[in-house]
Amino acid sequence: MSEMTALKNPVRIGWIGTGVMGVSMCAHLMAAGCPATVYNRTRAKAQPLLDKGATWAETPREVAQAADVVFTIVGYPTDVRRVYLEADGVLAGLSAGAVAVDMTTTSPSLSAEIFAAAAKIGVHTLDAPVSGGDVGARNAALSIMVGGEADVFERVRPLFERMGRIIVHQGPAGAGQHTKMCNQIVIAGSMIGMCESLLYATRAGLNPQVMLQSIAKGAAGCWSLENLAPRILKGDFAPGFMIDHFIKDMGIALDEAGRMGLVLPGLELVRGLYEKSAAAGHGRDGTQALFLALQELAGQ
């Protein structure tokens, strides 16, 4: 067990989705004393958790059958639908009163649909997308935005507190996902600003690292400047969060905005630039690889 103190009342957890963030998040709960059953499409990606004592399951349904609280963090809305609603999915395996928490960034309407399907069989769901990337996941410093019933949120809060520092109940089912869309809209704009500031600094003959000492803690300060600008300067474009997934998130936000009769031209612009990055082969790189596309447009 790590230095993290054990929970007073550890529960059996299930974990589905052991990618860049999921492995760290599940490991924090295991370190707090929670027995874990895990599933991932590629078993090798779950091996770090199996090495720590987690039990492997062959399907999402088997995970749910072995757990009191199931967490999921997968890739796309289609993955969420499959994991929850198919015959071998989470809802088919949960016992009465159990809870499933989807931490994937997905569509608010899908979260509401899953909530309604769960209610019909006497189980509970929360939508709880996160912000903070791989660094936040490793350091248990995520921001977790939660939609669903308030009493269910309070039941799960001790587990959320082992993964994040900012945990806020936003409202009914789907509210967590709507909040994550607000988060992604802000990040989309700040990413352009961060990348273009580095390009400007280079063209102006500044040392970008020295420039960052002046602006990173001032009015321009933001998570992207603090965490991703240094990676760009090192030529590190490995994903804490992949461009393909960010394009997915922006698409969800624009679809939801369209349903509300809202036009978001800035977000449309950013999505177009990220789509160019993906077309250039950077879809599986981190979101900071937007710098490479902007660099090419700038002729640098």
C-alpha atoms as a PDB file:
ATOM      1  CA  MET A   1       0.000   0.000   0.000  1.00  0.00           C
ATOM      2  CA  SER A   2       1.223   3.537  -0.782  1.00  0.00           C
ATOM      3  CA  GLU A   3       1.486   6.409   1.681  1.00  0.00           C
ATOM      4  CA  MET A   4      -2.213   7.130   1.168  1.00  0.00           C
ATOM      5  CA  THR A   5      -4.142   6.236   4.328  1.00  0.00           C
ATOM      6  CA  ALA A   6      -6.787   3.532   4.111  1.00  0.00           C
ATOM      7  CA  LEU A   7     -10.464   4.359   3.941  1.00  0.00           C
ATOM      8  CA  LYS A   8     -12.415   3.678   7.142  1.00  0.00           C
ATOM      9  CA  ASN A   9     -14.973   1.690   5.162  1.00  0.00           C
ATOM     10  CA  PRO A  10     -13.380   0.424   1.952  1.00  0.00           C
ATOM     11  CA  VAL A  11     -15.782  -0.956  -0.649  1.00  0.00           C
ATOM     12  CA  ARG A  12     -15.325  -3.394  -3.487  1.00  0.00           C
ATOM     13  CA  ILE A  13     -14.668  -1.412  -6.634  1.00  0.00           C
ATOM     14  CA  GLY A  14     -14.823  -2.293 -10.272  1.00  0.00           C
ATOM     15  CA  TRP A  15     -12.718  -0.443 -12.830  1.00  0.00           C
ATOM     16  CA  ILE A  16     -13.256  -0.435 -16.588  1.00  0.00           C
ATOM     17  CA  GLY A  17     -10.766   1.471 -18.747  1.00  0.00           C
ATOM     18  CA  THR A  18      -7.102   1.310 -17.812  1.00  0.00           C
ATOM     19  CA  GLY A  19      -5.631   3.924 -20.109  1.00  0.00           C
ATOM     20  CA  VAL A  20      -3.278   6.804 -19.368  1.00  0.00           C
ATOM     21  CA  MET A  21      -5.467   8.137 -16.566  1.00  0.00           C
ATOM     22  CA  GLY A  22      -7.466   5.103 -15.481  1.00  0.00           C
ATOM     23  CA  VAL A  23      -4.510   3.109 -14.188  1.00  0.00           C
ATOM     24  CA  SER A  24      -3.446   5.852 -11.785  1.00  0.00           C
ATOM     25  CA  MET A  25      -6.986   6.600 -10.631  1.00  0.00           C
ATOM     26  CA  CYS A  26      -7.770   2.974  -9.844  1.00  0.00           C
ATOM     27  CA  ALA A  27      -4.403   2.533  -8.134  1.00  0.00           C
ATOM     28  CA  HIS A  28      -5.242   5.339  -5.689  1.00  0.00           C
ATOM     29  CA  LEU A  29      -8.415   3.522  -4.640  1.00  0.00           C
ATOM     30  CA  MET A  30      -6.555   0.247  -4.263  1.00  0.00           C
ATOM     31  CA  ALA A  31      -3.951   2.024  -2.136  1.00  0.00           C
ATOM     32  CA  ALA A  32      -6.789   3.193   0.095  1.00  0.00           C
ATOM     33  CA  GLY A  33      -7.770  -0.423   0.755  1.00  0.00           C
ATOM     34  CA  CYS A  34     -10.442  -1.060  -1.896  1.00  0.00           C
ATOM     35  CA  PRO A  35     -10.341  -4.529  -3.494  1.00  0.00           C
ATOM     36  CA  ALA A  36     -10.562  -4.045  -7.262  1.00  0.00           C
ATOM     37  CA  THR A  37     -11.866  -6.039 -10.199  1.00  0.00           C
ATOM     38  CA  VAL A  38     -10.760  -4.646 -13.553  1.00  0.00           C
ATOM     39  CA  TYR A  39     -11.502  -4.955 -17.241  1.00  0.00           C
ATOM     40  CA  ASN A  40      -9.969  -3.395 -20.339  1.00  0.00           C
ATOM     41  CA  ARG A  41     -10.248  -4.313 -23.999  1.00  0.00           C
ATOM     42  CA  THR A  42      -6.479  -4.855 -24.029  1.00  0.00           C
ATOM     43  CA  ARG A  43      -5.525  -6.887 -20.960  1.00  0.00           C
ATOM     44  CA  ALA A  44      -1.864  -5.811 -21.110  1.00  0.00           C
ATOM     45  CA  LYS A  45      -2.870  -2.237 -20.250  1.00  0.00           C
ATOM     46  CA  ALA A  46      -4.414  -3.495 -17.000  1.00  0.00           C
ATOM     47  CA  GLN A  47      -1.281  -5.399 -15.994  1.00  0.00           C
ATOM     48  CA  PRO A  48       0.040  -2.681 -13.624  1.00  0.00           C
ATOM     49  CA  LEU A  49      -3.168  -3.024 -11.601  1.00  0.00           C
ATOM     50  CA  LEU A  50      -3.108  -6.818 -11.733  1.00  0.00           C
ATOM     51  CA  ASP A  51       0.442  -6.661 -10.416  1.00  0.00           C
ATOM     52  CA  LYS A  52      -0.879  -4.654  -7.460  1.00  0.00           C
ATOM     53  CA  GLY A  53      -3.455  -7.329  -6.649  1.00  0.00           C
ATOM     54  CA  ALA A  54      -6.477  -6.456  -8.786  1.00  0.00           C
ATOM     55  CA  THR A  55      -8.650  -9.276 -10.124  1.00  0.00           C
ATOM     56  CA  TRP A  56      -9.228  -9.611 -13.857  1.00  0.00           C
ATOM     57  CA  ALA A  57     -12.748  -9.925 -15.316  1.00  0.00           C
ATOM     58  CA  GLU A  58     -13.611 -11.010 -18.838  1.00  0.00           C
ATOM     59  CA  THR A  59     -16.529  -8.594 -19.385  1.00  0.00           C
ATOM     60  CA  PRO A  60     -17.946  -5.355 -17.946  1.00  0.00           C
ATOM     61  CA  ARG A  61     -20.826  -7.428 -16.581  1.00  0.00           C
ATOM     62  CA  GLU A  62     -18.413  -9.577 -14.568  1.00  0.00           C
ATOM     63  CA  VAL A  63     -16.803  -6.428 -13.163  1.00  0.00           C
ATOM     64  CA  ALA A  64     -20.197  -5.164 -12.015  1.00  0.00           C
ATOM     65  CA  GLN A  65     -21.114  -8.486 -10.436  1.00  0.00           C
ATOM     66  CA  ALA A  66     -18.004  -8.307  -8.245  1.00  0.00           C
ATOM     67  CA  ALA A  67     -18.298  -4.664  -7.152  1.00  0.00           C
ATOM     68  CA  ASP A  68     -20.307  -2.279  -5.012  1.00  0.00           C
ATOM     69  CA  VAL A  69     -19.166   0.752  -7.016  1.00  0.00           C
ATOM     70  CA  VAL A  70     -18.048   0.494 -10.643  1.00  0.00           C
ATOM     71  CA  PHE A  71     -15.986   3.210 -12.315  1.00  0.00           C
ATOM     72  CA  THR A  72     -15.632   3.542 -16.079  1.00  0.00           C
ATOM     73  CA  ILE A  73     -13.319   5.773 -18.088  1.00  0.00           C
ATOM     74  CA  VAL A  74     -13.257   4.710 -21.712  1.00  0.00           C
ATOM     75  CA  GLY A  75     -12.750   6.475 -25.030  1.00  0.00           C
ATOM     76  CA  TYR A  76     -15.866   7.535 -26.909  1.00  0.00           C
ATOM     77  CA  PRO A  77     -19.650   7.711 -26.415  1.00  0.00           C
ATOM     78  CA  THR A  78     -19.983   4.523 -28.478  1.00  0.00           C
ATOM     79  CA  ASP A  79     -17.704   2.784 -25.971  1.00  0.00           C
ATOM     80  CA  VAL A  80     -19.769   4.096 -23.056  1.00  0.00           C
ATOM     81  CA  ARG A  81     -22.990   2.837 -24.650  1.00  0.00           C
ATOM     82  CA  ARG A  82     -21.480  -0.592 -25.243  1.00  0.00           C
ATOM     83  CA  VAL A  83     -19.975  -0.878 -21.753  1.00  0.00           C
ATOM     84  CA  TYR A  84     -23.224   0.075 -20.008  1.00  0.00           C
ATOM     85  CA  LEU A  85     -26.140  -1.025 -22.163  1.00  0.00           C
ATOM     86  CA  GLU A  86     -25.167  -4.191 -24.041  1.00  0.00           C
ATOM     87  CA  ALA A  87     -26.029  -7.658 -22.755  1.00  0.00           C
ATOM     88  CA  ASP A  88     -22.610  -8.141 -21.138  1.00  0.00           C
ATOM     89  CA  GLY A  89     -22.513  -4.552 -19.872  1.00  0.00           C
ATOM     90  CA  VAL A  90     -22.361  -2.938 -16.468  1.00  0.00           C
ATOM     91  CA  LEU A  91     -26.102  -2.513 -15.930  1.00  0.00           C
ATOM     92  CA  ALA A  92     -26.644  -6.219 -16.549  1.00  0.00           C
ATOM     93  CA  GLY A  93     -24.330  -7.111 -13.669  1.00  0.00           C
ATOM     94  CA  LEU A  94     -25.049  -4.589 -10.916  1.00  0.00           C
ATOM     95  CA  SER A  95     -26.836  -5.703  -7.770  1.00  0.00           C
ATOM     96  CA  ALA A  96     -29.759  -3.662  -6.420  1.00  0.00           C
ATOM     97  CA  GLY A  97     -28.537  -0.434  -4.829  1.00  0.00           C
ATOM     98  CA  ALA A  98     -25.086  -0.578  -6.434  1.00  0.00           C
ATOM     99  CA  VAL A  99     -23.559   2.473  -8.133  1.00  0.00           C
ATOM    100  CA  ALA A 100     -21.829   2.944 -11.493  1.00  0.00           C
ATOM    101  CA  VAL A 101     -19.781   6.090 -12.092  1.00  0.00           C
ATOM    102  CA  ASP A 102     -18.878   7.050 -15.649  1.00  0.00           C
ATOM    103  CA  MET A 103     -15.793   9.266 -15.663  1.00  0.00           C
ATOM    104  CA  THR A 104     -15.516   9.307 -19.452  1.00  0.00           C
ATOM    105  CA  THR A 105     -16.153  12.613 -21.171  1.00  0.00           C
ATOM    106  CA  THR A 106     -19.276  11.770 -23.136  1.00  0.00           C
ATOM    107  CA  SER A 107     -22.555  13.338 -24.195  1.00  0.00           C
ATOM    108  CA  PRO A 108     -24.892  14.657 -21.483  1.00  0.00           C
ATOM    109  CA  SER A 109     -27.861  13.068 -23.243  1.00  0.00           C
ATOM    110  CA  LEU A 110     -26.212   9.628 -23.080  1.00  0.00           C
ATOM    111  CA  SER A 111     -25.526  10.085 -19.365  1.00  0.00           C
ATOM    112  CA  ALA A 112     -29.208  10.897 -18.831  1.00  0.00           C
ATOM    113  CA  GLU A 113     -30.221   7.843 -20.873  1.00  0.00           C
ATOM    114  CA  ILE A 114     -28.005   5.540 -18.804  1.00  0.00           C
ATOM    115  CA  PHE A 115     -29.309   7.096 -15.584  1.00  0.00           C
ATOM    116  CA  ALA A 116     -32.899   6.369 -16.639  1.00  0.00           C
ATOM    117  CA  ALA A 117     -32.078   2.786 -17.644  1.00  0.00           C
ATOM    118  CA  ALA A 118     -30.356   2.213 -14.296  1.00  0.00           C
ATOM    119  CA  ALA A 119     -33.262   3.625 -12.311  1.00  0.00           C
ATOM    120  CA  LYS A 120     -35.625   1.110 -13.913  1.00  0.00           C
ATOM    121  CA  ILE A 121     -33.635  -1.784 -12.417  1.00  0.00           C
ATOM    122  CA  GLY A 122     -32.967  -0.254  -9.012  1.00  0.00           C
ATOM    123  CA  VAL A 123     -29.334   0.805  -9.445  1.00  0.00           C
ATOM    124  CA  HIS A 124     -27.696   4.208  -9.505  1.00  0.00           C
ATOM    125  CA  THR A 125     -25.382   6.057 -11.871  1.00  0.00           C
ATOM    126  CA  LEU A 126     -23.328   9.226 -11.714  1.00  0.00           C
ATOM    127  CA  ASP A 127     -21.634  11.039 -14.584  1.00  0.00           C
ATOM    128  CA  ALA A 128     -18.311  12.311 -13.271  1.00  0.00           C
ATOM    129  CA  PRO A 129     -15.900  13.493 -15.978  1.00  0.00           C
ATOM    130  CA  VAL A 130     -12.559  14.842 -14.841  1.00  0.00           C
ATOM    131  CA  SER A 131     -10.020  17.509 -15.706  1.00  0.00           C
ATOM    132  CA  GLY A 132      -6.323  17.501 -14.941  1.00  0.00           C
ATOM    133  CA  GLY A 133      -4.854  15.065 -17.437  1.00  0.00           C
ATOM    134  CA  ASP A 134      -2.254  12.436 -16.701  1.00  0.00           C
ATOM    135  CA  VAL A 135      -0.515  14.681 -14.156  1.00  0.00           C
ATOM    136  CA  GLY A 136      -3.710  15.202 -12.171  1.00  0.00           C
ATOM    137  CA  ALA A 137      -4.483  11.480 -12.303  1.00  0.00           C
ATOM    138  CA  ARG A 138      -1.035  10.494 -11.023  1.00  0.00           C
ATOM    139  CA  ASN A 139      -1.093  13.081  -8.234  1.00  0.00           C
ATOM    140  CA  ALA A 140      -4.720  12.462  -7.178  1.00  0.00           C
ATOM    141  CA  ALA A 141      -5.313  16.134  -7.997  1.00  0.00           C
ATOM    142  CA  LEU A 142      -8.141  15.931 -10.526  1.00  0.00           C
ATOM    143  CA  SER A 143     -11.142  18.204 -10.747  1.00  0.00           C
ATOM    144  CA  ILE A 144     -14.202  15.928 -10.714  1.00  0.00           C
ATOM    145  CA  MET A 145     -17.538  17.345 -11.895  1.00  0.00           C
ATOM    146  CA  VAL A 146     -20.498  15.184 -10.986  1.00  0.00           C
ATOM    147  CA  GLY A 147     -24.077  14.810 -12.192  1.00  0.00           C
ATOM    148  CA  GLY A 148     -26.704  12.599 -10.578  1.00  0.00           C
ATOM    149  CA  GLU A 149     -28.600  12.198  -7.328  1.00  0.00           C
ATOM    150  CA  ALA A 150     -27.146  14.173  -4.408  1.00  0.00           C
ATOM    151  CA  ASP A 151     -27.385  11.321  -1.901  1.00  0.00           C
ATOM    152  CA  VAL A 152     -25.601   8.935  -4.271  1.00  0.00           C
ATOM    153  CA  PHE A 153     -22.904  11.558  -4.811  1.00  0.00           C
ATOM    154  CA  GLU A 154     -22.369  11.752  -1.042  1.00  0.00           C
ATOM    155  CA  ARG A 155     -22.020   7.967  -0.847  1.00  0.00           C
ATOM    156  CA  VAL A 156     -19.270   8.015  -3.460  1.00  0.00           C
ATOM    157  CA  ARG A 157     -17.558  11.224  -2.303  1.00  0.00           C
ATOM    158  CA  PRO A 158     -14.937   9.423  -0.118  1.00  0.00           C
ATOM    159  CA  LEU A 159     -13.789   7.553  -3.229  1.00  0.00           C
ATOM    160  CA  PHE A 160     -13.720  10.708  -5.338  1.00  0.00           C
ATOM    161  CA  GLU A 161     -11.566  12.340  -2.657  1.00  0.00           C
ATOM    162  CA  ARG A 162      -8.885   9.692  -3.239  1.00  0.00           C
ATOM    163  CA  MET A 163      -8.642  10.704  -6.893  1.00  0.00           C
ATOM    164  CA  GLY A 164      -9.198  14.452  -6.918  1.00  0.00           C
ATOM    165  CA  ARG A 165      -8.891  17.704  -5.045  1.00  0.00           C
ATOM    166  CA  ILE A 166     -11.868  19.590  -6.468  1.00  0.00           C
ATOM    167  CA  ILE A 167     -15.076  17.558  -6.262  1.00  0.00           C
ATOM    168  CA  VAL A 168     -18.336  19.378  -7.021  1.00  0.00           C
ATOM    169  CA  HIS A 169     -21.871  18.050  -7.438  1.00  0.00           C
ATOM    170  CA  GLN A 170     -23.203  20.025 -10.393  1.00  0.00           C
ATOM    171  CA  GLY A 171     -26.804  18.854 -10.525  1.00  0.00           C
ATOM    172  CA  PRO A 172     -28.916  16.044 -12.027  1.00  0.00           C
ATOM    173  CA  ALA A 173     -27.817  13.390 -14.491  1.00  0.00           C
ATOM    174  CA  GLY A 174     -25.871  14.951 -17.363  1.00  0.00           C
ATOM    175  CA  ALA A 175     -24.846  18.056 -15.393  1.00  0.00           C
ATOM    176  CA  GLY A 176     -21.343  16.730 -14.862  1.00  0.00           C
ATOM    177  CA  GLN A 177     -20.924  16.283 -18.609  1.00  0.00           C
ATOM    178  CA  HIS A 178     -22.292  19.759 -19.350  1.00  0.00           C
ATOM    179  CA  THR A 179     -19.755  21.165 -16.881  1.00  0.00           C
ATOM    180  CA  LYS A 180     -16.960  19.260 -18.612  1.00  0.00           C
ATOM    181  CA  MET A 181     -18.026  20.834 -21.894  1.00  0.00           C
ATOM    182  CA  CYS A 182     -17.571  24.264 -20.269  1.00  0.00           C
ATOM    183  CA  ASN A 183     -14.102  23.129 -19.198  1.00  0.00           C
ATOM    184  CA  GLN A 184     -13.171  21.958 -22.685  1.00  0.00           C
ATOM    185  CA  ILE A 185     -14.388  25.178 -24.302  1.00  0.00           C
ATOM    186  CA  VAL A 186     -12.053  27.190 -22.054  1.00  0.00           C
ATOM    187  CA  ILE A 187      -9.136  24.841 -22.690  1.00  0.00           C
ATOM    188  CA  ALA A 188      -9.672  25.029 -26.459  1.00  0.00           C
ATOM    189  CA  GLY A 189      -9.136  28.773 -26.386  1.00  0.00           C
ATOM    190  CA  SER A 190      -6.236  28.708 -23.935  1.00  0.00           C
ATOM    191  CA  MET A 191      -4.392  26.070 -26.000  1.00  0.00           C
ATOM    192  CA  ILE A 192      -4.324  28.340 -29.053  1.00  0.00           C
ATOM    193  CA  GLY A 193      -3.087  31.234 -26.941  1.00  0.00           C
ATOM    194  CA  MET A 194      -0.390  29.146 -25.290  1.00  0.00           C
ATOM    195  CA  CYS A 195       0.927  27.700 -28.576  1.00  0.00           C
ATOM    196  CA  GLU A 196       0.846  31.009 -30.440  1.00  0.00           C
ATOM    197  CA  SER A 197       2.639  32.788 -27.588  1.00  0.00           C
ATOM    198  CA  LEU A 198       5.527  30.320 -27.905  1.00  0.00           C
ATOM    199  CA  LEU A 199       5.652  30.864 -31.669  1.00  0.00           C
ATOM    200  CA  TYR A 200       5.632  34.631 -31.188  1.00  0.00           C
ATOM    201  CA  ALA A 201       8.399  34.447 -28.583  1.00  0.00           C
ATOM    202  CA  THR A 202      10.598  32.404 -30.891  1.00  0.00           C
ATOM    203  CA  ARG A 203      10.066  34.712 -33.870  1.00  0.00           C
ATOM    204  CA  ALA A 204      10.773  37.767 -31.678  1.00  0.00           C
ATOM    205  CA  GLY A 205      14.100  36.298 -30.591  1.00  0.00           C
ATOM    206  CA  LEU A 206      13.081  35.668 -26.977  1.00  0.00           C
ATOM    207  CA  ASN A 207      14.103  32.695 -24.914  1.00  0.00           C
ATOM    208  CA  PRO A 208      10.686  31.019 -24.482  1.00  0.00           C
ATOM    209  CA  GLN A 209      11.650  29.493 -21.145  1.00  0.00           C
ATOM    210  CA  VAL A 210      12.613  32.872 -19.757  1.00  0.00           C
ATOM    211  CA  MET A 211       9.473  34.432 -21.237  1.00  0.00           C
ATOM    212  CA  LEU A 212       7.354  31.876 -19.378  1.00  0.00           C
ATOM    213  CA  GLN A 213       8.901  32.954 -16.081  1.00  0.00           C
ATOM    214  CA  SER A 214       7.203  36.318 -16.549  1.00  0.00           C
ATOM    215  CA  ILE A 215       3.787  35.315 -17.845  1.00  0.00           C
ATOM    216  CA  ALA A 216       2.998  31.880 -16.377  1.00  0.00           C
ATOM    217  CA  LYS A 217       2.131  33.262 -12.937  1.00  0.00           C
ATOM    218  CA  GLY A 218       0.503  36.512 -14.040  1.00  0.00           C
ATOM    219  CA  ALA A 219      -2.853  37.292 -15.586  1.00  0.00           C
ATOM    220  CA  ALA A 220      -2.088  34.890 -18.461  1.00  0.00           C
ATOM    221  CA  GLY A 221      -1.437  32.030 -16.062  1.00  0.00           C
ATOM    222  CA  CYS A 222      -3.309  28.806 -16.808  1.00  0.00           C
ATOM    223  CA  TRP A 223      -2.926  25.041 -16.558  1.00  0.00           C
ATOM    224  CA  SER A 224      -1.749  24.775 -20.170  1.00  0.00           C
ATOM    225  CA  LEU A 225       1.078  27.277 -19.661  1.00  0.00           C
ATOM    226  CA  GLU A 226       2.129  25.594 -16.440  1.00  0.00           C
ATOM    227  CA  ASN A 227       2.049  21.995 -17.634  1.00  0.00           C
ATOM    228  CA  LEU A 228       2.096  21.805 -21.434  1.00  0.00           C
ATOM    229  CA  ALA A 229       4.306  24.706 -22.522  1.00  0.00           C
ATOM    230  CA  PRO A 230       7.370  23.097 -20.861  1.00  0.00           C
ATOM    231  CA  ARG A 231       6.621  19.844 -22.684  1.00  0.00           C
ATOM    232  CA  ILE A 232       6.472  21.658 -26.023  1.00  0.00           C
ATOM    233  CA  LEU A 233       9.819  23.309 -25.378  1.00  0.00           C
ATOM    234  CA  LYS A 234      11.311  19.878 -24.676  1.00  0.00           C
ATOM    235  CA  GLY A 235       9.801  18.446 -27.858  1.00  0.00           C
ATOM    236  CA  ASP A 236       7.591  16.155 -25.756  1.00  0.00           C
ATOM    237  CA  PHE A 237       4.294  15.551 -27.525  1.00  0.00           C
ATOM    238  CA  ALA A 238       3.366  12.315 -25.737  1.00  0.00           C
ATOM    239  CA  PRO A 239      -0.275  12.250 -24.677  1.00  0.00           C
ATOM    240  CA  GLY A 240      -1.540  13.208 -21.311  1.00  0.00           C
ATOM    241  CA  PHE A 241      -4.747  13.690 -23.296  1.00  0.00           C
ATOM    242  CA  MET A 242      -4.903  12.771 -26.966  1.00  0.00           C
ATOM    243  CA  ILE A 243      -5.846  15.092 -29.802  1.00  0.00           C
ATOM    244  CA  ASP A 244      -8.347  12.538 -31.138  1.00  0.00           C
ATOM    245  CA  HIS A 245     -10.158  12.577 -27.801  1.00  0.00           C
ATOM    246  CA  PHE A 246     -10.151  16.361 -27.634  1.00  0.00           C
ATOM    247  CA  ILE A 247     -11.681  16.555 -31.106  1.00  0.00           C
ATOM    248  CA  LYS A 248     -14.365  14.181 -29.824  1.00  0.00           C
ATOM    249  CA  ASP A 249     -15.035  16.451 -26.842  1.00  0.00           C
ATOM    250  CA  MET A 250     -15.266  19.571 -28.978  1.00  0.00           C
ATOM    251  CA  GLY A 251     -17.715  17.776 -31.249  1.00  0.00           C
ATOM    252  CA  ILE A 252     -19.918  16.905 -28.274  1.00  0.00           C
ATOM    253  CA  ALA A 253     -19.838  20.517 -27.075  1.00  0.00           C
ATOM    254  CA  LEU A 254     -20.744  21.862 -30.504  1.00  0.00           C
ATOM    255  CA  ASP A 255     -23.557  19.320 -30.910  1.00  0.00           C
ATOM    256  CA  GLU A 256     -24.992  20.238 -27.509  1.00  0.00           C
ATOM    257  CA  ALA A 257     -24.625  23.945 -28.296  1.00  0.00           C
ATOM    258  CA  GLY A 258     -26.505  23.415 -31.563  1.00  0.00           C
ATOM    259  CA  ARG A 259     -29.354  21.735 -29.698  1.00  0.00           C
ATOM    260  CA  MET A 260     -29.542  24.792 -27.448  1.00  0.00           C
ATOM    261  CA  GLY A 261     -29.474  27.205 -30.394  1.00  0.00           C
ATOM    262  CA  LEU A 262     -26.045  28.488 -29.357  1.00  0.00           C
ATOM    263  CA  VAL A 263     -23.277  29.429 -31.814  1.00  0.00           C
ATOM    264  CA  LEU A 264     -19.647  29.019 -30.632  1.00  0.00           C
ATOM    265  CA  PRO A 265     -17.418  30.341 -33.444  1.00  0.00           C
ATOM    266  CA  GLY A 266     -14.240  30.231 -31.355  1.00  0.00           C
ATOM    267  CA  LEU A 267     -14.691  26.551 -30.614  1.00  0.00           C
ATOM    268  CA  GLU A 268     -15.414  25.862 -34.291  1.00  0.00           C
ATOM    269  CA  LEU A 269     -12.111  27.527 -35.163  1.00  0.00           C
ATOM    270  CA  VAL A 270     -10.129  25.512 -32.644  1.00  0.00           C
ATOM    271  CA  ARG A 271     -11.709  22.240 -33.732  1.00  0.00           C
ATOM    272  CA  GLY A 272     -10.713  22.952 -37.314  1.00  0.00           C
ATOM    273  CA  LEU A 273      -7.099  23.510 -36.296  1.00  0.00           C
ATOM    274  CA  TYR A 274      -7.055  20.318 -34.251  1.00  0.00           C
ATOM    275  CA  GLU A 275      -8.551  18.391 -37.157  1.00  0.00           C
ATOM    276  CA  LYS A 276      -5.635  19.623 -39.267  1.00  0.00           C
ATOM    277  CA  SER A 277      -3.271  18.335 -36.587  1.00  0.00           C
ATOM    278  CA  ALA A 278      -4.965  14.938 -36.664  1.00  0.00           C
ATOM    279  CA  ALA A 279      -4.854  14.852 -40.474  1.00  0.00           C
ATOM    280  CA  ALA A 280      -1.116  15.508 -40.259  1.00  0.00           C
ATOM    281  CA  GLY A 281      -0.708  12.358 -38.172  1.00  0.00           C
ATOM    282  CA  HIS A 282      -0.885  13.767 -34.651  1.00  0.00           C
ATOM    283  CA  GLY A 283      -4.226  12.334 -33.574  1.00  0.00           C
ATOM    284  CA  ARG A 284      -2.619  10.027 -31.016  1.00  0.00           C
ATOM    285  CA  ASP A 285      -0.274  12.723 -29.723  1.00  0.00           C
ATOM    286  CA  GLY A 286      -1.018  14.977 -26.777  1.00  0.00           C
ATOM    287  CA  THR A 287      -3.121  18.095 -27.220  1.00  0.00           C
ATOM    288  CA  GLN A 288       0.069  20.174 -27.033  1.00  0.00           C
ATOM    289  CA  ALA A 289       0.897  18.877 -30.532  1.00  0.00           C
ATOM    290  CA  LEU A 290      -1.395  21.632 -31.779  1.00  0.00           C
ATOM    291  CA  PHE A 291       1.837  23.636 -31.621  1.00  0.00           C
ATOM    292  CA  LEU A 292       3.196  21.616 -34.559  1.00  0.00           C
ATOM    293  CA  ALA A 293       0.244  22.484 -36.792  1.00  0.00           C
ATOM    294  CA  LEU A 294       0.405  26.157 -35.851  1.00  0.00           C
ATOM    295  CA  GLN A 295       4.162  26.127 -36.359  1.00  0.00           C
ATOM    296  CA  GLU A 296       3.661  24.866 -39.905  1.00  0.00           C
ATOM    297  CA  LEU A 297       1.016  27.516 -40.610  1.00  0.00           C
ATOM    298  CA  ALA A 298       3.403  30.152 -39.287  1.00  0.00           C
ATOM    299  CA  GLY A 299       6.147  28.941 -41.617  1.00  0.00           C
ATOM    300  CA  GLN A 300       8.569  28.199 -38.775  1.00  0.00           C
END
